[in-house]
N, C-alpha and C. Protein backbone atom coordinates (compact mmCIF):
# COMPACT_ATOMS: atom_id res chain seq x y z
N MET A 1 -78.40 -26.06 -92.43
CA MET A 1 -77.10 -25.94 -91.85
C MET A 1 -77.00 -24.63 -91.03
N GLU A 2 -76.34 -24.68 -89.89
CA GLU A 2 -76.30 -23.53 -89.05
C GLU A 2 -75.50 -22.39 -89.69
N THR A 3 -75.92 -21.20 -89.43
CA THR A 3 -75.15 -20.06 -89.95
C THR A 3 -74.25 -19.59 -88.89
N THR A 4 -73.18 -18.90 -89.26
CA THR A 4 -72.24 -18.36 -88.28
C THR A 4 -72.92 -17.42 -87.32
N THR A 5 -73.85 -16.64 -87.80
CA THR A 5 -74.54 -15.69 -86.88
C THR A 5 -75.36 -16.41 -85.88
N THR A 6 -76.04 -17.47 -86.21
CA THR A 6 -76.82 -18.28 -85.30
C THR A 6 -75.96 -18.89 -84.21
N LEU A 7 -74.87 -19.51 -84.64
CA LEU A 7 -73.95 -20.10 -83.66
C LEU A 7 -73.35 -19.10 -82.68
N ASN A 8 -72.92 -17.95 -83.25
CA ASN A 8 -72.38 -16.90 -82.44
C ASN A 8 -73.36 -16.38 -81.40
N SER A 9 -74.65 -16.44 -81.72
CA SER A 9 -75.67 -15.89 -80.80
C SER A 9 -75.74 -16.66 -79.51
N TYR A 10 -75.26 -17.92 -79.52
CA TYR A 10 -75.30 -18.76 -78.32
C TYR A 10 -74.06 -18.55 -77.38
N ILE A 11 -72.99 -17.93 -77.93
CA ILE A 11 -71.82 -17.75 -77.06
C ILE A 11 -71.53 -16.27 -76.86
N PHE A 12 -72.45 -15.40 -77.26
CA PHE A 12 -72.34 -13.97 -76.97
C PHE A 12 -73.58 -13.42 -76.41
N THR A 13 -74.06 -14.06 -75.37
CA THR A 13 -75.26 -13.55 -74.64
C THR A 13 -74.76 -12.64 -73.50
N ARG A 14 -75.66 -12.13 -72.69
CA ARG A 14 -75.30 -11.19 -71.63
C ARG A 14 -74.74 -11.98 -70.44
N ASN A 15 -74.95 -13.27 -70.45
CA ASN A 15 -74.51 -14.17 -69.37
C ASN A 15 -73.16 -14.81 -69.75
N SER A 16 -72.07 -14.30 -69.26
CA SER A 16 -70.76 -14.84 -69.67
C SER A 16 -70.53 -16.28 -69.26
N ASN A 17 -71.17 -16.67 -68.15
CA ASN A 17 -71.01 -18.06 -67.74
C ASN A 17 -71.72 -19.01 -68.67
N PHE A 18 -72.89 -18.62 -69.10
CA PHE A 18 -73.64 -19.41 -70.10
C PHE A 18 -72.83 -19.48 -71.36
N ASN A 19 -72.25 -18.43 -71.79
CA ASN A 19 -71.47 -18.39 -73.00
C ASN A 19 -70.36 -19.39 -73.00
N ARG A 20 -69.64 -19.47 -71.85
CA ARG A 20 -68.53 -20.41 -71.67
C ARG A 20 -69.03 -21.87 -71.80
N HIS A 21 -70.14 -22.15 -71.13
CA HIS A 21 -70.63 -23.51 -71.19
C HIS A 21 -71.26 -23.91 -72.55
N ALA A 22 -71.79 -22.88 -73.21
CA ALA A 22 -72.35 -23.14 -74.54
C ALA A 22 -71.19 -23.50 -75.48
N LEU A 23 -70.11 -22.76 -75.42
CA LEU A 23 -68.94 -23.10 -76.25
C LEU A 23 -68.40 -24.49 -75.88
N ASN A 24 -68.34 -24.80 -74.62
CA ASN A 24 -67.91 -26.13 -74.24
C ASN A 24 -68.78 -27.23 -74.80
N LEU A 25 -70.11 -26.94 -74.80
CA LEU A 25 -71.07 -27.88 -75.37
C LEU A 25 -70.74 -28.11 -76.84
N TYR A 26 -70.52 -27.02 -77.56
CA TYR A 26 -70.26 -27.11 -78.98
C TYR A 26 -68.96 -27.97 -79.23
N LEU A 27 -67.91 -27.76 -78.44
CA LEU A 27 -66.63 -28.42 -78.66
C LEU A 27 -66.75 -29.87 -78.31
N GLU A 28 -67.45 -30.18 -77.20
CA GLU A 28 -67.61 -31.57 -76.81
C GLU A 28 -68.43 -32.38 -77.79
N ASN A 29 -69.44 -31.67 -78.36
CA ASN A 29 -70.27 -32.32 -79.40
C ASN A 29 -69.50 -32.66 -80.65
N LEU A 30 -68.47 -31.85 -80.94
CA LEU A 30 -67.66 -32.14 -82.11
C LEU A 30 -66.93 -33.51 -81.89
N GLN A 31 -66.58 -33.83 -80.62
CA GLN A 31 -65.91 -35.08 -80.39
C GLN A 31 -66.91 -36.26 -80.28
N SER A 32 -68.00 -36.02 -79.56
CA SER A 32 -68.90 -37.16 -79.27
C SER A 32 -69.94 -37.31 -80.42
N GLN A 33 -70.26 -36.28 -81.14
CA GLN A 33 -71.28 -36.33 -82.22
C GLN A 33 -72.59 -36.77 -81.67
N ALA A 34 -72.91 -36.43 -80.37
CA ALA A 34 -74.19 -36.80 -79.80
C ALA A 34 -75.35 -36.22 -80.64
N PHE A 35 -75.12 -34.95 -81.13
CA PHE A 35 -76.09 -34.28 -82.01
C PHE A 35 -75.47 -34.03 -83.34
N PRO A 36 -76.07 -34.56 -84.45
CA PRO A 36 -75.59 -34.37 -85.74
C PRO A 36 -75.46 -32.84 -86.08
N GLN A 37 -76.44 -32.13 -85.59
CA GLN A 37 -76.52 -30.67 -85.83
C GLN A 37 -76.24 -29.96 -84.47
N PRO A 38 -75.06 -29.38 -84.31
CA PRO A 38 -74.71 -28.76 -83.02
C PRO A 38 -75.69 -27.65 -82.60
N GLU A 39 -76.31 -26.99 -83.53
CA GLU A 39 -77.25 -25.93 -83.21
C GLU A 39 -78.45 -26.42 -82.41
N ALA A 40 -78.79 -27.69 -82.69
CA ALA A 40 -79.90 -28.25 -81.94
C ALA A 40 -79.61 -28.40 -80.47
N ALA A 41 -78.46 -28.90 -80.12
CA ALA A 41 -78.03 -29.00 -78.77
C ALA A 41 -77.91 -27.61 -78.08
N LEU A 42 -77.37 -26.68 -78.79
CA LEU A 42 -77.22 -25.29 -78.24
C LEU A 42 -78.59 -24.67 -78.04
N SER A 43 -79.49 -24.94 -78.95
CA SER A 43 -80.86 -24.37 -78.78
C SER A 43 -81.54 -24.94 -77.58
N ILE A 44 -81.43 -26.23 -77.29
CA ILE A 44 -82.04 -26.87 -76.22
C ILE A 44 -81.42 -26.37 -74.87
N PHE A 45 -80.13 -26.25 -74.86
CA PHE A 45 -79.41 -25.71 -73.68
C PHE A 45 -79.91 -24.26 -73.38
N LYS A 46 -80.02 -23.47 -74.41
CA LYS A 46 -80.48 -22.08 -74.22
C LYS A 46 -81.96 -22.06 -73.72
N THR A 47 -82.78 -22.92 -74.24
CA THR A 47 -84.14 -22.97 -73.86
C THR A 47 -84.30 -23.38 -72.39
N ILE A 48 -83.51 -24.39 -71.96
CA ILE A 48 -83.53 -24.87 -70.58
C ILE A 48 -83.12 -23.69 -69.67
N ASP A 49 -82.06 -22.97 -70.01
CA ASP A 49 -81.63 -21.81 -69.23
C ASP A 49 -82.70 -20.75 -69.18
N ASP A 50 -83.36 -20.46 -70.25
CA ASP A 50 -84.42 -19.49 -70.33
C ASP A 50 -85.62 -19.83 -69.43
N LYS A 51 -85.90 -21.18 -69.39
CA LYS A 51 -87.05 -21.63 -68.58
C LYS A 51 -86.72 -21.55 -67.13
N MET A 52 -85.47 -21.84 -66.73
CA MET A 52 -85.02 -21.72 -65.34
C MET A 52 -85.07 -20.27 -64.90
N THR A 53 -84.65 -19.40 -65.78
CA THR A 53 -84.67 -17.96 -65.42
C THR A 53 -86.14 -17.41 -65.32
N MET A 54 -86.95 -17.90 -66.22
CA MET A 54 -88.36 -17.43 -66.25
C MET A 54 -89.11 -17.87 -64.97
N HIS A 55 -88.92 -19.14 -64.59
CA HIS A 55 -89.70 -19.69 -63.47
C HIS A 55 -89.02 -19.42 -62.11
N GLY A 56 -87.72 -19.24 -62.10
CA GLY A 56 -87.05 -18.86 -60.90
C GLY A 56 -87.33 -19.85 -59.77
N SER A 57 -87.77 -19.29 -58.65
CA SER A 57 -88.03 -20.13 -57.45
C SER A 57 -89.31 -21.02 -57.63
N LYS A 58 -90.05 -20.84 -58.67
CA LYS A 58 -91.27 -21.71 -58.91
C LYS A 58 -90.78 -22.95 -59.58
N PHE A 59 -90.10 -23.76 -58.73
CA PHE A 59 -89.40 -24.93 -59.23
C PHE A 59 -90.33 -25.93 -59.95
N PHE A 60 -91.46 -26.25 -59.38
CA PHE A 60 -92.33 -27.24 -59.99
C PHE A 60 -93.01 -26.78 -61.25
N SER A 61 -93.11 -25.47 -61.39
CA SER A 61 -93.62 -24.92 -62.61
C SER A 61 -92.61 -25.18 -63.76
N PHE A 62 -91.35 -25.02 -63.41
CA PHE A 62 -90.27 -25.35 -64.36
C PHE A 62 -90.27 -26.80 -64.76
N VAL A 63 -90.38 -27.69 -63.69
CA VAL A 63 -90.33 -29.14 -63.94
C VAL A 63 -91.43 -29.53 -64.91
N GLU A 64 -92.62 -29.03 -64.69
CA GLU A 64 -93.79 -29.43 -65.54
C GLU A 64 -93.53 -28.99 -66.96
N GLU A 65 -93.09 -27.75 -67.14
CA GLU A 65 -92.86 -27.29 -68.54
C GLU A 65 -91.72 -27.93 -69.19
N PHE A 66 -90.67 -28.10 -68.40
CA PHE A 66 -89.42 -28.73 -68.96
C PHE A 66 -89.71 -30.17 -69.42
N GLU A 67 -90.38 -30.96 -68.58
CA GLU A 67 -90.58 -32.35 -68.94
C GLU A 67 -91.43 -32.49 -70.18
N ALA A 68 -92.44 -31.63 -70.31
CA ALA A 68 -93.27 -31.68 -71.56
C ALA A 68 -92.40 -31.27 -72.76
N TYR A 69 -91.54 -30.28 -72.54
CA TYR A 69 -90.64 -29.84 -73.65
C TYR A 69 -89.72 -30.94 -74.14
N ILE A 70 -89.03 -31.61 -73.15
CA ILE A 70 -88.07 -32.65 -73.48
C ILE A 70 -88.78 -33.85 -74.07
N HIS A 71 -89.93 -34.18 -73.60
CA HIS A 71 -90.72 -35.34 -74.12
C HIS A 71 -91.00 -35.14 -75.57
N ASP A 72 -91.38 -33.97 -75.97
CA ASP A 72 -91.75 -33.66 -77.36
C ASP A 72 -90.52 -33.70 -78.29
N LEU A 73 -89.35 -33.56 -77.73
CA LEU A 73 -88.14 -33.60 -78.59
C LEU A 73 -87.70 -35.06 -78.93
N SER A 74 -88.16 -36.01 -78.18
CA SER A 74 -87.89 -37.43 -78.47
C SER A 74 -86.34 -37.66 -78.56
N LEU A 75 -85.62 -37.23 -77.63
CA LEU A 75 -84.22 -37.38 -77.61
C LEU A 75 -83.81 -38.78 -77.16
N THR A 76 -82.62 -39.23 -77.63
CA THR A 76 -82.14 -40.56 -77.16
C THR A 76 -81.58 -40.41 -75.78
N HIS A 77 -81.39 -41.46 -75.10
CA HIS A 77 -80.77 -41.41 -73.78
C HIS A 77 -79.40 -40.83 -73.79
N PRO A 78 -78.48 -41.18 -74.74
CA PRO A 78 -77.16 -40.60 -74.79
C PRO A 78 -77.23 -39.06 -75.03
N GLN A 79 -78.22 -38.63 -75.86
CA GLN A 79 -78.37 -37.16 -76.00
C GLN A 79 -78.80 -36.46 -74.73
N ARG A 80 -79.72 -37.08 -73.97
CA ARG A 80 -80.10 -36.50 -72.72
C ARG A 80 -78.96 -36.47 -71.73
N GLN A 81 -78.21 -37.55 -71.65
CA GLN A 81 -77.05 -37.62 -70.73
C GLN A 81 -76.06 -36.47 -71.10
N PHE A 82 -75.84 -36.35 -72.35
CA PHE A 82 -74.91 -35.28 -72.79
C PHE A 82 -75.40 -33.89 -72.37
N LEU A 83 -76.66 -33.60 -72.64
CA LEU A 83 -77.21 -32.32 -72.32
C LEU A 83 -77.22 -32.03 -70.81
N TYR A 84 -77.70 -33.04 -70.11
CA TYR A 84 -77.86 -32.88 -68.64
C TYR A 84 -76.50 -32.69 -67.96
N ARG A 85 -75.48 -33.32 -68.50
CA ARG A 85 -74.12 -33.14 -67.90
C ARG A 85 -73.68 -31.72 -68.11
N ILE A 86 -73.95 -31.07 -69.33
CA ILE A 86 -73.56 -29.72 -69.53
C ILE A 86 -74.34 -28.81 -68.60
N VAL A 87 -75.67 -29.10 -68.44
CA VAL A 87 -76.49 -28.23 -67.55
C VAL A 87 -76.03 -28.33 -66.15
N LYS A 88 -75.67 -29.58 -65.69
CA LYS A 88 -75.17 -29.73 -64.33
C LYS A 88 -73.93 -28.96 -64.09
N ASP A 89 -72.98 -29.01 -65.05
CA ASP A 89 -71.74 -28.20 -64.93
C ASP A 89 -71.99 -26.76 -64.80
N TYR A 90 -72.93 -26.31 -65.63
CA TYR A 90 -73.33 -24.88 -65.68
C TYR A 90 -73.91 -24.50 -64.35
N LEU A 91 -74.81 -25.31 -63.76
CA LEU A 91 -75.44 -24.95 -62.50
C LEU A 91 -74.45 -25.06 -61.36
N LYS A 92 -73.48 -25.92 -61.42
CA LYS A 92 -72.42 -25.96 -60.41
C LYS A 92 -71.73 -24.61 -60.33
N ASP A 93 -71.42 -24.05 -61.52
CA ASP A 93 -70.75 -22.72 -61.54
C ASP A 93 -71.69 -21.63 -60.97
N LEU A 94 -72.96 -21.73 -61.33
CA LEU A 94 -73.90 -20.72 -60.81
C LEU A 94 -74.00 -20.82 -59.31
N ASN A 95 -73.83 -22.02 -58.72
CA ASN A 95 -73.87 -22.21 -57.28
C ASN A 95 -72.56 -21.88 -56.60
N SER A 96 -71.56 -21.73 -57.39
CA SER A 96 -70.21 -21.48 -56.81
C SER A 96 -70.16 -20.08 -56.24
N LYS A 97 -69.52 -20.00 -55.07
CA LYS A 97 -69.38 -18.70 -54.40
C LYS A 97 -68.43 -17.73 -55.23
N SER A 98 -67.64 -18.39 -56.07
CA SER A 98 -66.66 -17.55 -56.87
C SER A 98 -67.35 -16.97 -58.05
N TYR A 99 -68.58 -17.28 -58.31
CA TYR A 99 -69.32 -16.67 -59.42
C TYR A 99 -70.58 -15.98 -58.94
N ASN A 100 -70.64 -14.72 -59.10
CA ASN A 100 -71.72 -13.95 -58.58
C ASN A 100 -72.69 -13.55 -59.70
N TYR A 101 -73.81 -14.31 -59.73
CA TYR A 101 -74.75 -14.10 -60.82
C TYR A 101 -76.18 -13.78 -60.35
N GLY A 102 -76.35 -13.62 -59.05
CA GLY A 102 -77.68 -13.28 -58.53
C GLY A 102 -78.67 -14.37 -58.61
N ASN A 103 -79.78 -14.28 -57.82
CA ASN A 103 -80.81 -15.27 -57.75
C ASN A 103 -80.26 -16.71 -57.54
N MET A 104 -79.20 -16.76 -56.77
CA MET A 104 -78.60 -18.13 -56.61
C MET A 104 -79.35 -18.98 -55.63
N ASP A 105 -80.39 -18.46 -54.99
CA ASP A 105 -81.11 -19.30 -54.02
C ASP A 105 -81.75 -20.49 -54.62
N TYR A 106 -82.24 -20.42 -55.87
CA TYR A 106 -82.97 -21.57 -56.42
C TYR A 106 -82.13 -22.36 -57.35
N TYR A 107 -80.92 -22.07 -57.60
CA TYR A 107 -80.09 -22.85 -58.58
C TYR A 107 -79.73 -24.21 -57.91
N GLU A 108 -79.59 -24.29 -56.61
CA GLU A 108 -79.26 -25.61 -56.02
C GLU A 108 -80.36 -26.62 -56.28
N ALA A 109 -81.63 -26.14 -56.16
CA ALA A 109 -82.71 -27.09 -56.44
C ALA A 109 -82.67 -27.60 -57.89
N TYR A 110 -82.36 -26.75 -58.82
CA TYR A 110 -82.27 -27.17 -60.25
C TYR A 110 -81.08 -28.14 -60.42
N LEU A 111 -79.99 -27.87 -59.74
CA LEU A 111 -78.78 -28.75 -59.84
C LEU A 111 -79.14 -30.13 -59.32
N ASN A 112 -79.84 -30.24 -58.19
CA ASN A 112 -80.17 -31.53 -57.60
C ASN A 112 -81.14 -32.24 -58.56
N TYR A 113 -82.05 -31.49 -59.15
CA TYR A 113 -83.01 -32.06 -60.11
C TYR A 113 -82.30 -32.74 -61.27
N PHE A 114 -81.39 -32.00 -61.93
CA PHE A 114 -80.65 -32.59 -63.02
C PHE A 114 -79.75 -33.74 -62.66
N LYS A 115 -79.21 -33.71 -61.44
CA LYS A 115 -78.46 -34.88 -60.96
C LYS A 115 -79.34 -36.09 -60.89
N THR A 116 -80.54 -35.91 -60.37
CA THR A 116 -81.48 -36.99 -60.12
C THR A 116 -81.97 -37.58 -61.46
N ILE A 117 -82.34 -36.73 -62.40
CA ILE A 117 -82.87 -37.34 -63.64
C ILE A 117 -81.71 -38.00 -64.45
N SER A 118 -80.45 -37.52 -64.26
CA SER A 118 -79.35 -38.17 -64.88
C SER A 118 -79.17 -39.56 -64.32
N GLN A 119 -79.34 -39.69 -63.01
CA GLN A 119 -79.22 -41.00 -62.37
C GLN A 119 -80.39 -41.98 -62.80
N VAL A 120 -81.51 -41.42 -63.06
CA VAL A 120 -82.68 -42.22 -63.57
C VAL A 120 -82.31 -42.79 -64.94
N ILE A 121 -81.73 -42.02 -65.78
CA ILE A 121 -81.33 -42.40 -67.09
C ILE A 121 -80.25 -43.51 -67.01
N ASN A 122 -79.29 -43.34 -66.12
CA ASN A 122 -78.26 -44.29 -65.95
C ASN A 122 -78.87 -45.66 -65.42
N HIS A 123 -79.80 -45.57 -64.58
CA HIS A 123 -80.41 -46.78 -64.02
C HIS A 123 -81.17 -47.52 -65.18
N THR A 124 -81.90 -46.73 -65.95
CA THR A 124 -82.63 -47.35 -67.06
C THR A 124 -81.74 -47.99 -68.05
N ASN A 125 -80.57 -47.35 -68.36
CA ASN A 125 -79.58 -47.99 -69.28
C ASN A 125 -79.03 -49.25 -68.70
N THR A 126 -78.82 -49.32 -67.40
CA THR A 126 -78.27 -50.48 -66.72
C THR A 126 -79.23 -51.65 -66.87
N GLN A 127 -80.53 -51.35 -66.59
CA GLN A 127 -81.58 -52.42 -66.68
C GLN A 127 -81.62 -53.00 -68.06
N THR A 128 -81.54 -52.17 -69.07
CA THR A 128 -81.54 -52.61 -70.48
C THR A 128 -80.35 -53.43 -70.77
N ALA A 129 -79.20 -52.94 -70.31
CA ALA A 129 -77.95 -53.67 -70.62
C ALA A 129 -77.87 -55.05 -69.96
N LEU A 130 -78.53 -55.23 -68.85
CA LEU A 130 -78.52 -56.50 -68.14
C LEU A 130 -78.95 -57.71 -69.05
N ALA A 131 -79.85 -57.41 -69.99
CA ALA A 131 -80.41 -58.47 -70.83
C ALA A 131 -79.56 -58.74 -72.07
N THR A 132 -78.62 -57.82 -72.37
CA THR A 132 -77.93 -57.90 -73.66
C THR A 132 -76.42 -57.87 -73.58
N THR A 133 -75.85 -57.54 -72.38
CA THR A 133 -74.42 -57.33 -72.29
C THR A 133 -73.75 -58.40 -71.48
N ALA A 134 -72.57 -58.87 -71.90
CA ALA A 134 -71.81 -59.86 -71.14
C ALA A 134 -71.49 -59.30 -69.80
N ILE A 135 -71.54 -60.11 -68.79
CA ILE A 135 -71.36 -59.71 -67.41
C ILE A 135 -70.06 -58.95 -67.15
N PRO A 136 -68.87 -59.41 -67.62
CA PRO A 136 -67.62 -58.59 -67.33
C PRO A 136 -67.74 -57.21 -67.97
N ASP A 137 -68.29 -57.12 -69.24
CA ASP A 137 -68.41 -55.78 -69.85
C ASP A 137 -69.33 -54.88 -69.10
N LEU A 138 -70.42 -55.52 -68.59
CA LEU A 138 -71.41 -54.75 -67.87
C LEU A 138 -70.83 -54.25 -66.57
N LEU A 139 -70.11 -55.06 -65.86
CA LEU A 139 -69.46 -54.65 -64.65
C LEU A 139 -68.49 -53.50 -64.84
N THR A 140 -67.75 -53.55 -65.92
CA THR A 140 -66.80 -52.47 -66.26
C THR A 140 -67.55 -51.21 -66.48
N ASP A 141 -68.70 -51.26 -67.21
CA ASP A 141 -69.48 -50.03 -67.45
C ASP A 141 -70.06 -49.48 -66.18
N ILE A 142 -70.55 -50.35 -65.31
CA ILE A 142 -71.11 -49.93 -64.01
C ILE A 142 -70.00 -49.23 -63.18
N VAL A 143 -68.83 -49.82 -63.14
CA VAL A 143 -67.71 -49.28 -62.40
C VAL A 143 -67.40 -47.91 -62.91
N HIS A 144 -67.33 -47.76 -64.24
CA HIS A 144 -67.04 -46.44 -64.85
C HIS A 144 -68.03 -45.38 -64.44
N ARG A 145 -69.33 -45.75 -64.46
CA ARG A 145 -70.34 -44.73 -64.09
C ARG A 145 -70.33 -44.43 -62.61
N ASN A 146 -69.98 -45.46 -61.77
CA ASN A 146 -69.84 -45.20 -60.34
C ASN A 146 -68.71 -44.29 -60.03
N MET A 147 -67.63 -44.41 -60.86
CA MET A 147 -66.46 -43.56 -60.66
C MET A 147 -66.82 -42.11 -61.04
N LEU A 148 -67.71 -41.91 -62.01
CA LEU A 148 -68.10 -40.60 -62.38
C LEU A 148 -68.90 -39.95 -61.22
N ILE A 149 -69.78 -40.80 -60.66
CA ILE A 149 -70.56 -40.32 -59.47
C ILE A 149 -69.61 -39.97 -58.32
N LEU A 150 -68.65 -40.86 -58.10
CA LEU A 150 -67.67 -40.68 -56.99
C LEU A 150 -66.86 -39.42 -57.20
N SER A 151 -66.56 -39.07 -58.45
CA SER A 151 -65.82 -37.88 -58.74
C SER A 151 -66.54 -36.64 -58.23
N ASP A 152 -67.89 -36.63 -58.35
CA ASP A 152 -68.65 -35.51 -57.82
C ASP A 152 -68.52 -35.42 -56.32
N GLU A 153 -68.46 -36.60 -55.67
CA GLU A 153 -68.34 -36.58 -54.20
C GLU A 153 -66.99 -36.09 -53.79
N ILE A 154 -65.96 -36.47 -54.61
CA ILE A 154 -64.57 -36.02 -54.29
C ILE A 154 -64.45 -34.52 -54.38
N GLU A 155 -65.17 -33.94 -55.35
CA GLU A 155 -65.11 -32.45 -55.52
C GLU A 155 -65.50 -31.72 -54.25
N ALA A 156 -66.40 -32.32 -53.46
CA ALA A 156 -66.89 -31.67 -52.23
C ALA A 156 -65.90 -31.87 -51.09
N ILE A 157 -64.93 -32.76 -51.18
CA ILE A 157 -63.96 -32.97 -50.06
C ILE A 157 -63.02 -31.77 -49.94
N PRO A 158 -62.70 -31.35 -48.74
CA PRO A 158 -61.78 -30.20 -48.56
C PRO A 158 -60.45 -30.50 -49.26
N ILE A 159 -59.83 -29.44 -49.83
CA ILE A 159 -58.67 -29.57 -50.67
C ILE A 159 -57.53 -30.31 -49.94
N GLY A 160 -57.41 -30.13 -48.67
CA GLY A 160 -56.33 -30.73 -47.92
C GLY A 160 -56.42 -32.22 -47.81
N GLN A 161 -57.67 -32.78 -47.92
CA GLN A 161 -57.90 -34.22 -47.86
C GLN A 161 -58.08 -34.90 -49.18
N LYS A 162 -58.28 -34.09 -50.23
CA LYS A 162 -58.62 -34.60 -51.56
C LYS A 162 -57.51 -35.50 -52.06
N ALA A 163 -56.24 -35.08 -51.94
CA ALA A 163 -55.15 -35.90 -52.46
C ALA A 163 -55.06 -37.25 -51.83
N ARG A 164 -55.32 -37.35 -50.48
CA ARG A 164 -55.35 -38.60 -49.78
C ARG A 164 -56.41 -39.55 -50.32
N VAL A 165 -57.58 -39.01 -50.58
CA VAL A 165 -58.68 -39.82 -51.06
C VAL A 165 -58.39 -40.37 -52.45
N ILE A 166 -57.85 -39.58 -53.35
CA ILE A 166 -57.58 -40.05 -54.71
C ILE A 166 -56.42 -41.08 -54.66
N THR A 167 -55.37 -40.78 -53.88
CA THR A 167 -54.26 -41.75 -53.77
C THR A 167 -54.76 -43.10 -53.21
N SER A 168 -55.54 -43.10 -52.18
CA SER A 168 -56.10 -44.32 -51.58
C SER A 168 -56.93 -45.11 -52.61
N LEU A 169 -57.68 -44.36 -53.44
CA LEU A 169 -58.58 -44.98 -54.46
C LEU A 169 -57.70 -45.68 -55.49
N TYR A 170 -56.66 -45.02 -55.96
CA TYR A 170 -55.77 -45.65 -56.98
C TYR A 170 -55.04 -46.86 -56.41
N LYS A 171 -54.62 -46.76 -55.15
CA LYS A 171 -53.94 -47.92 -54.52
C LYS A 171 -54.84 -49.13 -54.44
N ALA A 172 -56.11 -48.87 -54.13
CA ALA A 172 -57.05 -49.98 -54.01
C ALA A 172 -57.32 -50.64 -55.34
N MET A 173 -57.40 -49.82 -56.40
CA MET A 173 -57.57 -50.36 -57.76
C MET A 173 -56.36 -51.09 -58.25
N ALA A 174 -55.16 -50.56 -57.92
CA ALA A 174 -53.91 -51.23 -58.32
C ALA A 174 -53.76 -52.58 -57.61
N ALA A 175 -54.13 -52.62 -56.34
CA ALA A 175 -54.00 -53.85 -55.55
C ALA A 175 -54.87 -54.99 -56.21
N THR A 176 -56.00 -54.64 -56.60
CA THR A 176 -56.89 -55.69 -57.18
C THR A 176 -56.38 -56.14 -58.54
N GLY A 177 -55.73 -55.25 -59.24
CA GLY A 177 -55.19 -55.53 -60.58
C GLY A 177 -54.04 -56.47 -60.64
N LYS A 178 -53.30 -56.65 -59.45
CA LYS A 178 -52.09 -57.49 -59.52
C LYS A 178 -52.39 -59.00 -59.51
N THR A 179 -53.50 -59.37 -58.92
CA THR A 179 -53.74 -60.80 -58.68
C THR A 179 -55.00 -61.33 -59.28
N GLN A 180 -55.82 -60.54 -59.95
CA GLN A 180 -57.14 -60.96 -60.38
C GLN A 180 -57.27 -60.92 -61.90
N THR A 181 -58.22 -61.68 -62.37
CA THR A 181 -58.56 -61.64 -63.85
C THR A 181 -59.31 -60.39 -64.12
N PRO A 182 -59.38 -60.02 -65.48
CA PRO A 182 -60.19 -58.83 -65.79
C PRO A 182 -61.60 -58.79 -65.23
N ALA A 183 -62.29 -60.00 -65.33
CA ALA A 183 -63.63 -60.01 -64.86
C ALA A 183 -63.70 -59.84 -63.33
N ALA A 184 -62.72 -60.42 -62.66
CA ALA A 184 -62.73 -60.29 -61.15
C ALA A 184 -62.35 -58.86 -60.79
N ILE A 185 -61.44 -58.27 -61.53
CA ILE A 185 -61.08 -56.89 -61.30
C ILE A 185 -62.26 -55.92 -61.42
N SER A 186 -63.07 -56.15 -62.49
CA SER A 186 -64.24 -55.28 -62.67
C SER A 186 -65.20 -55.45 -61.46
N LYS A 187 -65.40 -56.67 -61.01
CA LYS A 187 -66.34 -56.93 -59.88
C LYS A 187 -65.76 -56.28 -58.68
N ALA A 188 -64.43 -56.46 -58.38
CA ALA A 188 -63.83 -55.95 -57.21
C ALA A 188 -63.87 -54.45 -57.19
N ASN A 189 -63.60 -53.83 -58.31
CA ASN A 189 -63.61 -52.35 -58.42
C ASN A 189 -65.08 -51.83 -58.18
N LEU A 190 -66.07 -52.56 -58.66
CA LEU A 190 -67.46 -52.19 -58.36
C LEU A 190 -67.73 -52.17 -56.87
N GLN A 191 -67.32 -53.31 -56.19
CA GLN A 191 -67.56 -53.39 -54.78
C GLN A 191 -66.77 -52.26 -54.03
N SER A 192 -65.51 -52.03 -54.44
CA SER A 192 -64.69 -50.95 -53.83
C SER A 192 -65.35 -49.67 -53.94
N SER A 193 -65.89 -49.31 -55.17
CA SER A 193 -66.55 -48.00 -55.39
C SER A 193 -67.80 -47.90 -54.55
N ALA A 194 -68.57 -49.02 -54.41
CA ALA A 194 -69.75 -48.94 -53.59
C ALA A 194 -69.49 -48.73 -52.14
N GLN A 195 -68.34 -49.39 -51.65
CA GLN A 195 -67.97 -49.20 -50.26
C GLN A 195 -67.53 -47.74 -50.01
N LEU A 196 -66.76 -47.18 -50.95
CA LEU A 196 -66.28 -45.82 -50.77
C LEU A 196 -67.44 -44.81 -50.71
N ILE A 197 -68.43 -45.03 -51.55
CA ILE A 197 -69.61 -44.17 -51.52
C ILE A 197 -70.37 -44.30 -50.28
N GLU A 198 -70.62 -45.54 -49.78
CA GLU A 198 -71.42 -45.74 -48.63
C GLU A 198 -70.69 -45.48 -47.32
N ASN A 199 -69.37 -45.64 -47.38
CA ASN A 199 -68.59 -45.47 -46.10
C ASN A 199 -67.26 -44.75 -46.41
N PRO A 200 -67.34 -43.40 -46.53
CA PRO A 200 -66.15 -42.62 -46.86
C PRO A 200 -65.04 -42.74 -45.81
N SER A 201 -65.36 -43.24 -44.58
CA SER A 201 -64.31 -43.36 -43.56
C SER A 201 -63.27 -44.43 -43.93
N ILE A 202 -63.54 -45.28 -44.95
CA ILE A 202 -62.61 -46.28 -45.36
C ILE A 202 -61.35 -45.64 -45.82
N ILE A 203 -61.46 -44.45 -46.54
CA ILE A 203 -60.34 -43.82 -47.08
C ILE A 203 -59.99 -42.51 -46.39
N ASN A 204 -60.74 -42.23 -45.34
CA ASN A 204 -60.47 -41.00 -44.56
C ASN A 204 -60.76 -41.27 -43.07
N PRO A 205 -59.89 -42.14 -42.44
CA PRO A 205 -60.13 -42.50 -41.10
C PRO A 205 -60.01 -41.34 -40.14
């Protein structure tokens, strides 16, 4: 069982931004129970950060060491998704102009890497679900994950246009919900999400 001293060591490092995301990881894990032992998730998060700092701009050196490290841990897909989401949020902050932490030139490459491997996991999960999940339920799950991806795209939209995008999205979803069955709604929302991603001009003429 984790000791108080061990847990405290993850939220009282010299990097205040890391401390904040480590605490968030702990709190989210209390809800999701992705890791039965929270210290395990915190330790992996700290190790990933240490490896990024150690390799810096030597991106492929990090990738080689990181992939060997993660492979040896034999994590489940949900555990990887949980960790990678925390890492992505952390890297987004490090890339933010509002946070000055130095060596920011290589953080964007790491952020894109973790986005990509998260998408690979999602794709693998989808392929597995195709053989075992009822189509309406599967469509609902796909729509949900596409909405999460779309939310990242919305974050990049200028603040003055963001409200219009979100309002148009809700209107489109509400319109399909008035006249269609749940299965048809799921399929329509999936198509709507795909169109929005491929052609943002639909909601921002």
